[in-house]
N, C-alpha and C. Protein backbone atom coordinates (compact mmCIF):
# COMPACT_ATOMS: atom_id res chain seq x y z
N MET A 1 193.61 -68.36 -90.52
CA MET A 1 193.08 -69.22 -91.30
C MET A 1 191.80 -69.44 -91.08
N SER A 2 191.12 -69.48 -92.66
CA SER A 2 189.59 -69.47 -92.72
C SER A 2 189.17 -70.66 -92.05
N LEU A 3 188.10 -71.02 -92.06
CA LEU A 3 187.38 -72.33 -91.64
C LEU A 3 186.68 -72.89 -92.67
N GLU A 4 186.73 -74.36 -93.39
CA GLU A 4 186.28 -74.82 -94.39
C GLU A 4 185.48 -75.88 -93.41
N ILE A 5 184.36 -75.99 -93.82
CA ILE A 5 183.61 -77.52 -93.61
C ILE A 5 182.94 -78.10 -94.50
N THR A 6 182.95 -79.46 -94.72
CA THR A 6 182.48 -80.21 -95.61
C THR A 6 181.41 -81.21 -95.03
N ALA A 7 180.16 -81.26 -95.75
CA ALA A 7 179.40 -82.13 -95.28
C ALA A 7 179.29 -83.37 -96.13
N ALA A 8 178.87 -84.81 -95.45
CA ALA A 8 178.51 -85.81 -96.31
C ALA A 8 177.66 -86.59 -95.33
N VAL A 9 177.02 -87.23 -96.44
CA VAL A 9 175.71 -88.18 -95.51
C VAL A 9 176.01 -89.68 -96.06
N ASP A 10 176.08 -90.43 -95.14
CA ASP A 10 176.24 -91.93 -95.44
C ASP A 10 175.06 -92.71 -94.64
N GLY A 11 173.80 -92.85 -95.50
CA GLY A 11 172.64 -93.57 -94.50
C GLY A 11 172.07 -92.53 -93.88
N GLU A 12 171.72 -93.07 -92.18
CA GLU A 12 171.09 -92.44 -91.25
C GLU A 12 172.58 -91.52 -90.60
N ASN A 13 173.82 -91.39 -90.87
CA ASN A 13 174.60 -90.80 -90.51
C ASN A 13 175.17 -89.61 -91.33
N ARG A 14 175.57 -88.95 -90.53
CA ARG A 14 176.00 -87.30 -91.18
C ARG A 14 177.17 -87.49 -90.66
N ARG A 15 178.29 -86.54 -91.56
CA ARG A 15 179.71 -86.13 -91.07
C ARG A 15 179.80 -84.87 -91.89
N LEU A 16 180.78 -84.27 -90.71
CA LEU A 16 180.97 -82.94 -90.82
C LEU A 16 182.56 -82.55 -90.66
N ASP A 17 183.14 -82.58 -91.80
CA ASP A 17 184.79 -82.43 -91.83
C ASP A 17 185.25 -80.90 -91.56
N VAL A 18 186.01 -80.55 -90.56
CA VAL A 18 186.38 -79.11 -90.49
C VAL A 18 187.84 -78.97 -90.31
N THR A 19 187.82 -78.07 -91.22
CA THR A 19 189.40 -77.54 -91.16
C THR A 19 189.68 -76.24 -90.97
N GLY A 20 190.44 -75.69 -89.59
CA GLY A 20 190.96 -74.53 -89.72
C GLY A 20 190.70 -73.97 -88.02
N GLU A 21 191.12 -72.99 -87.72
CA GLU A 21 191.01 -72.98 -86.18
C GLU A 21 189.54 -72.31 -85.81
N VAL A 22 188.84 -72.82 -84.93
CA VAL A 22 187.40 -72.39 -84.38
C VAL A 22 187.65 -71.77 -83.33
N ASP A 23 187.02 -70.42 -83.62
CA ASP A 23 187.36 -69.16 -82.86
C ASP A 23 186.13 -68.64 -82.42
N VAL A 24 185.75 -67.35 -81.62
CA VAL A 24 184.61 -66.87 -81.87
C VAL A 24 184.18 -65.83 -83.08
N SER A 25 185.62 -65.84 -83.88
CA SER A 25 185.34 -65.12 -85.17
C SER A 25 184.49 -66.12 -86.21
N CYS A 26 184.42 -67.33 -85.94
CA CYS A 26 183.86 -68.11 -86.89
C CYS A 26 183.12 -69.22 -86.39
N ALA A 27 182.94 -69.43 -84.92
CA ALA A 27 181.80 -70.19 -84.46
C ALA A 27 180.49 -70.06 -85.10
N ASP A 28 179.79 -69.33 -85.61
CA ASP A 28 178.61 -69.19 -85.88
C ASP A 28 178.40 -69.84 -87.30
N GLU A 29 179.57 -70.09 -87.82
CA GLU A 29 180.18 -70.67 -89.09
C GLU A 29 179.71 -71.99 -88.87
N LEU A 30 180.25 -72.71 -87.74
CA LEU A 30 180.03 -74.14 -87.53
C LEU A 30 178.89 -74.39 -86.74
N ARG A 31 178.36 -73.68 -85.93
CA ARG A 31 176.97 -73.77 -85.49
C ARG A 31 176.13 -74.09 -86.31
N ALA A 32 175.97 -72.97 -87.58
CA ALA A 32 175.06 -73.36 -88.79
C ALA A 32 174.96 -74.63 -89.30
N ALA A 33 176.46 -74.97 -89.55
CA ALA A 33 176.40 -76.18 -90.36
C ALA A 33 176.01 -77.59 -89.54
N ILE A 34 176.36 -77.20 -88.28
CA ILE A 34 175.63 -78.00 -87.32
C ILE A 34 174.30 -78.21 -87.26
N ASP A 35 173.70 -77.11 -87.17
CA ASP A 35 172.20 -76.82 -87.45
C ASP A 35 171.83 -77.42 -88.88
N ALA A 36 172.23 -77.02 -89.83
CA ALA A 36 171.67 -77.63 -90.98
C ALA A 36 171.48 -79.08 -91.24
N GLN A 37 172.45 -79.80 -90.61
CA GLN A 37 172.70 -81.15 -90.56
C GLN A 37 171.54 -82.04 -89.43
N ILE A 38 171.25 -81.34 -88.21
CA ILE A 38 170.37 -81.66 -87.47
C ILE A 38 168.93 -81.29 -87.93
N SER A 39 168.69 -79.98 -88.71
CA SER A 39 167.40 -80.00 -89.25
C SER A 39 167.01 -80.95 -90.51
N GLU A 40 167.94 -81.25 -91.24
CA GLU A 40 167.69 -82.31 -92.26
C GLU A 40 167.29 -83.67 -91.61
N GLY A 41 167.35 -83.67 -90.33
CA GLY A 41 166.89 -85.26 -89.58
C GLY A 41 167.91 -86.19 -89.44
N VAL A 42 168.91 -85.41 -88.28
CA VAL A 42 169.86 -86.70 -88.50
C VAL A 42 169.04 -87.91 -87.40
N THR A 43 169.27 -89.18 -87.86
CA THR A 43 168.93 -90.27 -86.96
C THR A 43 169.55 -90.84 -86.37
N GLY A 44 170.87 -91.13 -86.96
CA GLY A 44 172.03 -91.92 -86.41
C GLY A 44 172.74 -91.20 -85.73
N GLU A 45 174.01 -91.05 -86.28
CA GLU A 45 175.29 -90.23 -85.77
C GLU A 45 175.58 -88.97 -86.87
N LEU A 46 175.83 -88.05 -85.82
CA LEU A 46 176.30 -86.88 -86.46
C LEU A 46 177.69 -86.60 -86.25
N VAL A 47 178.48 -86.68 -86.99
CA VAL A 47 180.05 -86.91 -86.55
C VAL A 47 180.58 -85.75 -86.86
N VAL A 48 181.33 -84.63 -86.21
CA VAL A 48 182.38 -83.51 -86.55
C VAL A 48 183.95 -84.21 -86.28
N ASP A 49 184.37 -84.25 -87.62
CA ASP A 49 185.70 -84.47 -87.36
C ASP A 49 186.66 -83.25 -87.47
N LEU A 50 187.26 -83.24 -86.31
CA LEU A 50 188.12 -82.15 -86.04
C LEU A 50 189.88 -82.63 -86.31
N ALA A 51 190.06 -83.46 -87.12
CA ALA A 51 191.36 -83.77 -87.39
C ALA A 51 191.87 -82.45 -88.16
N GLY A 52 191.35 -81.64 -88.73
CA GLY A 52 192.04 -80.86 -89.59
C GLY A 52 191.79 -79.63 -88.50
N VAL A 53 191.77 -79.63 -87.32
CA VAL A 53 191.52 -78.21 -86.49
C VAL A 53 192.80 -78.24 -85.70
N PRO A 54 193.63 -77.38 -85.24
CA PRO A 54 194.68 -77.25 -84.73
C PRO A 54 194.20 -76.46 -83.30
N TYR A 55 193.25 -75.36 -83.36
CA TYR A 55 192.93 -74.91 -82.44
C TYR A 55 191.41 -74.36 -82.23
N ILE A 56 190.79 -74.43 -80.80
CA ILE A 56 189.45 -74.42 -80.88
C ILE A 56 189.33 -73.54 -79.27
N ASP A 57 188.60 -72.40 -79.38
CA ASP A 57 188.47 -71.99 -78.37
C ASP A 57 187.20 -71.98 -77.29
N SER A 58 187.02 -71.35 -76.41
CA SER A 58 185.74 -71.89 -75.42
C SER A 58 184.46 -71.56 -76.26
N THR A 59 184.27 -70.77 -77.17
CA THR A 59 182.94 -70.24 -78.06
C THR A 59 183.02 -71.41 -78.86
N GLY A 60 184.11 -72.32 -79.45
CA GLY A 60 183.98 -73.34 -80.53
C GLY A 60 183.58 -74.31 -79.69
N ILE A 61 183.95 -74.77 -78.38
CA ILE A 61 183.71 -75.77 -77.64
C ILE A 61 182.17 -75.67 -76.99
N GLY A 62 181.79 -74.14 -76.82
CA GLY A 62 180.41 -74.34 -76.17
C GLY A 62 179.46 -74.68 -77.74
N VAL A 63 179.43 -74.40 -78.74
CA VAL A 63 179.06 -74.60 -79.84
C VAL A 63 179.05 -76.34 -79.62
N LEU A 64 180.04 -77.16 -79.81
CA LEU A 64 179.81 -78.33 -80.03
C LEU A 64 178.92 -78.98 -78.77
N VAL A 65 179.01 -78.61 -77.69
CA VAL A 65 178.36 -79.04 -76.37
C VAL A 65 176.69 -78.72 -76.73
N GLY A 66 176.27 -77.57 -77.01
CA GLY A 66 174.86 -77.16 -77.47
C GLY A 66 174.80 -78.33 -78.65
N ALA A 67 175.29 -78.40 -79.58
CA ALA A 67 175.04 -79.40 -80.65
C ALA A 67 175.03 -80.65 -79.93
N ALA A 68 175.54 -81.17 -79.30
CA ALA A 68 175.58 -82.52 -78.89
C ALA A 68 174.33 -82.76 -78.20
N HIS A 69 173.80 -81.67 -77.09
CA HIS A 69 172.61 -81.74 -76.62
C HIS A 69 171.42 -81.79 -77.35
N ARG A 70 171.38 -80.99 -78.33
CA ARG A 70 170.05 -80.84 -79.43
C ARG A 70 170.37 -82.19 -80.30
N VAL A 71 171.50 -82.61 -80.58
CA VAL A 71 171.61 -84.09 -81.07
C VAL A 71 171.04 -85.14 -80.43
N SER A 72 170.94 -85.25 -78.94
CA SER A 72 170.77 -85.90 -78.14
C SER A 72 169.03 -85.94 -78.18
N GLU A 73 168.55 -84.48 -78.08
CA GLU A 73 167.35 -84.31 -77.92
C GLU A 73 166.65 -84.78 -79.28
N ALA A 74 167.08 -84.90 -80.33
CA ALA A 74 166.64 -85.35 -81.44
C ALA A 74 166.53 -86.93 -81.85
N GLY A 75 167.18 -87.89 -80.44
CA GLY A 75 167.15 -89.31 -80.52
C GLY A 75 168.38 -89.87 -81.66
N ALA A 76 169.51 -88.88 -81.67
CA ALA A 76 170.63 -89.29 -82.44
C ALA A 76 171.94 -89.07 -81.68
N THR A 77 172.94 -89.46 -82.37
CA THR A 77 174.22 -89.57 -81.33
C THR A 77 175.16 -88.52 -81.87
N PHE A 78 175.83 -87.63 -80.94
CA PHE A 78 176.65 -86.46 -81.47
C PHE A 78 178.29 -87.13 -81.28
N VAL A 79 179.22 -87.00 -82.22
CA VAL A 79 180.31 -87.46 -82.08
C VAL A 79 181.42 -86.70 -82.45
N VAL A 80 182.43 -86.37 -81.62
CA VAL A 80 183.66 -85.45 -81.88
C VAL A 80 184.80 -86.59 -82.27
N ALA A 81 185.09 -86.71 -83.50
CA ALA A 81 186.03 -87.61 -84.05
C ALA A 81 187.59 -86.79 -84.41
N ARG A 82 188.55 -87.60 -84.03
CA ARG A 82 190.12 -87.30 -84.33
C ARG A 82 190.57 -85.90 -84.08
N PRO A 83 190.01 -85.40 -82.68
CA PRO A 83 190.44 -84.29 -82.49
C PRO A 83 192.07 -84.44 -82.10
N GLN A 84 192.89 -83.15 -82.63
CA GLN A 84 194.30 -83.09 -82.23
C GLN A 84 194.66 -82.99 -80.99
N ARG A 85 195.83 -83.46 -80.50
CA ARG A 85 196.05 -83.67 -79.36
C ARG A 85 196.05 -82.44 -78.34
N ASN A 86 196.16 -81.29 -78.86
CA ASN A 86 196.26 -79.86 -78.02
C ASN A 86 194.38 -79.81 -78.10
N VAL A 87 193.62 -80.08 -79.02
CA VAL A 87 192.13 -80.07 -78.48
C VAL A 87 191.65 -80.92 -77.74
N GLU A 88 192.15 -82.00 -77.94
CA GLU A 88 191.69 -82.95 -77.08
C GLU A 88 191.88 -82.91 -75.71
N ARG A 89 193.14 -82.41 -75.29
CA ARG A 89 193.51 -81.56 -73.88
C ARG A 89 193.01 -80.72 -73.66
N VAL A 90 192.37 -79.50 -74.32
CA VAL A 90 191.56 -78.58 -73.75
C VAL A 90 190.09 -79.22 -73.40
N LEU A 91 189.64 -79.97 -74.32
CA LEU A 91 188.44 -80.62 -74.06
C LEU A 91 188.66 -81.40 -72.61
N GLY A 92 189.51 -82.14 -72.63
CA GLY A 92 189.67 -82.98 -71.00
C GLY A 92 189.80 -82.06 -70.06
N LEU A 93 190.30 -80.85 -70.43
CA LEU A 93 190.72 -79.88 -68.94
C LEU A 93 189.17 -79.54 -68.62
N LEU A 94 188.30 -79.28 -69.69
CA LEU A 94 187.16 -78.87 -69.48
C LEU A 94 185.91 -79.58 -68.86
N GLY A 95 186.19 -80.94 -69.19
CA GLY A 95 185.62 -81.93 -68.63
C GLY A 95 184.24 -82.56 -69.52
N VAL A 96 184.43 -82.26 -70.72
CA VAL A 96 183.35 -82.38 -71.79
C VAL A 96 183.26 -83.49 -72.70
N GLN A 97 184.10 -84.68 -72.33
CA GLN A 97 184.68 -85.71 -73.32
C GLN A 97 183.30 -86.51 -73.19
N ALA A 98 182.71 -86.96 -72.52
CA ALA A 98 181.32 -87.68 -72.24
C ALA A 98 180.37 -87.03 -72.92
N ASP A 99 180.07 -86.02 -72.89
CA ASP A 99 178.96 -84.92 -73.74
C ASP A 99 179.42 -85.32 -74.96
N LEU A 100 180.80 -85.09 -75.61
CA LEU A 100 180.95 -85.06 -77.18
C LEU A 100 181.26 -86.53 -78.05
N ASN A 101 181.58 -87.68 -76.79
CA ASN A 101 181.58 -88.95 -77.42
C ASN A 101 182.86 -88.72 -78.02
N ILE A 102 184.08 -88.13 -77.68
CA ILE A 102 185.12 -88.43 -78.58
C ILE A 102 185.73 -89.81 -78.84
N ARG A 103 186.10 -90.14 -80.12
CA ARG A 103 186.83 -91.06 -80.61
C ARG A 103 187.66 -90.72 -81.75
N GLU A 104 188.72 -91.73 -81.78
CA GLU A 104 189.74 -91.49 -82.75
C GLU A 104 189.40 -91.89 -84.47
N ALA A 105 188.34 -92.68 -84.66
CA ALA A 105 187.71 -92.65 -85.97
C ALA A 105 186.92 -92.38 -86.46
């Protein structure tokens, strides 16, 4: 399954809707999309919506955690929205929920 990433801007907030499996083969694509949003100057929230992601591996999770730290350093808030149950479970097992500001909407 290929990765699809759609970006949207709403005032100070930015959103990336991600669809597909996030693993070592495409994690760089997700990193590049997030970095593009950061470089454009996110000042509010950068929301990465994972509703369309049925699987994420440790490489993909590393991309999200690294992005959360870069967004925080830029003075904004990083949010992972609507992870599927199995993805949310893995995030919980790794203890990264607080870093990722996980929410349902």
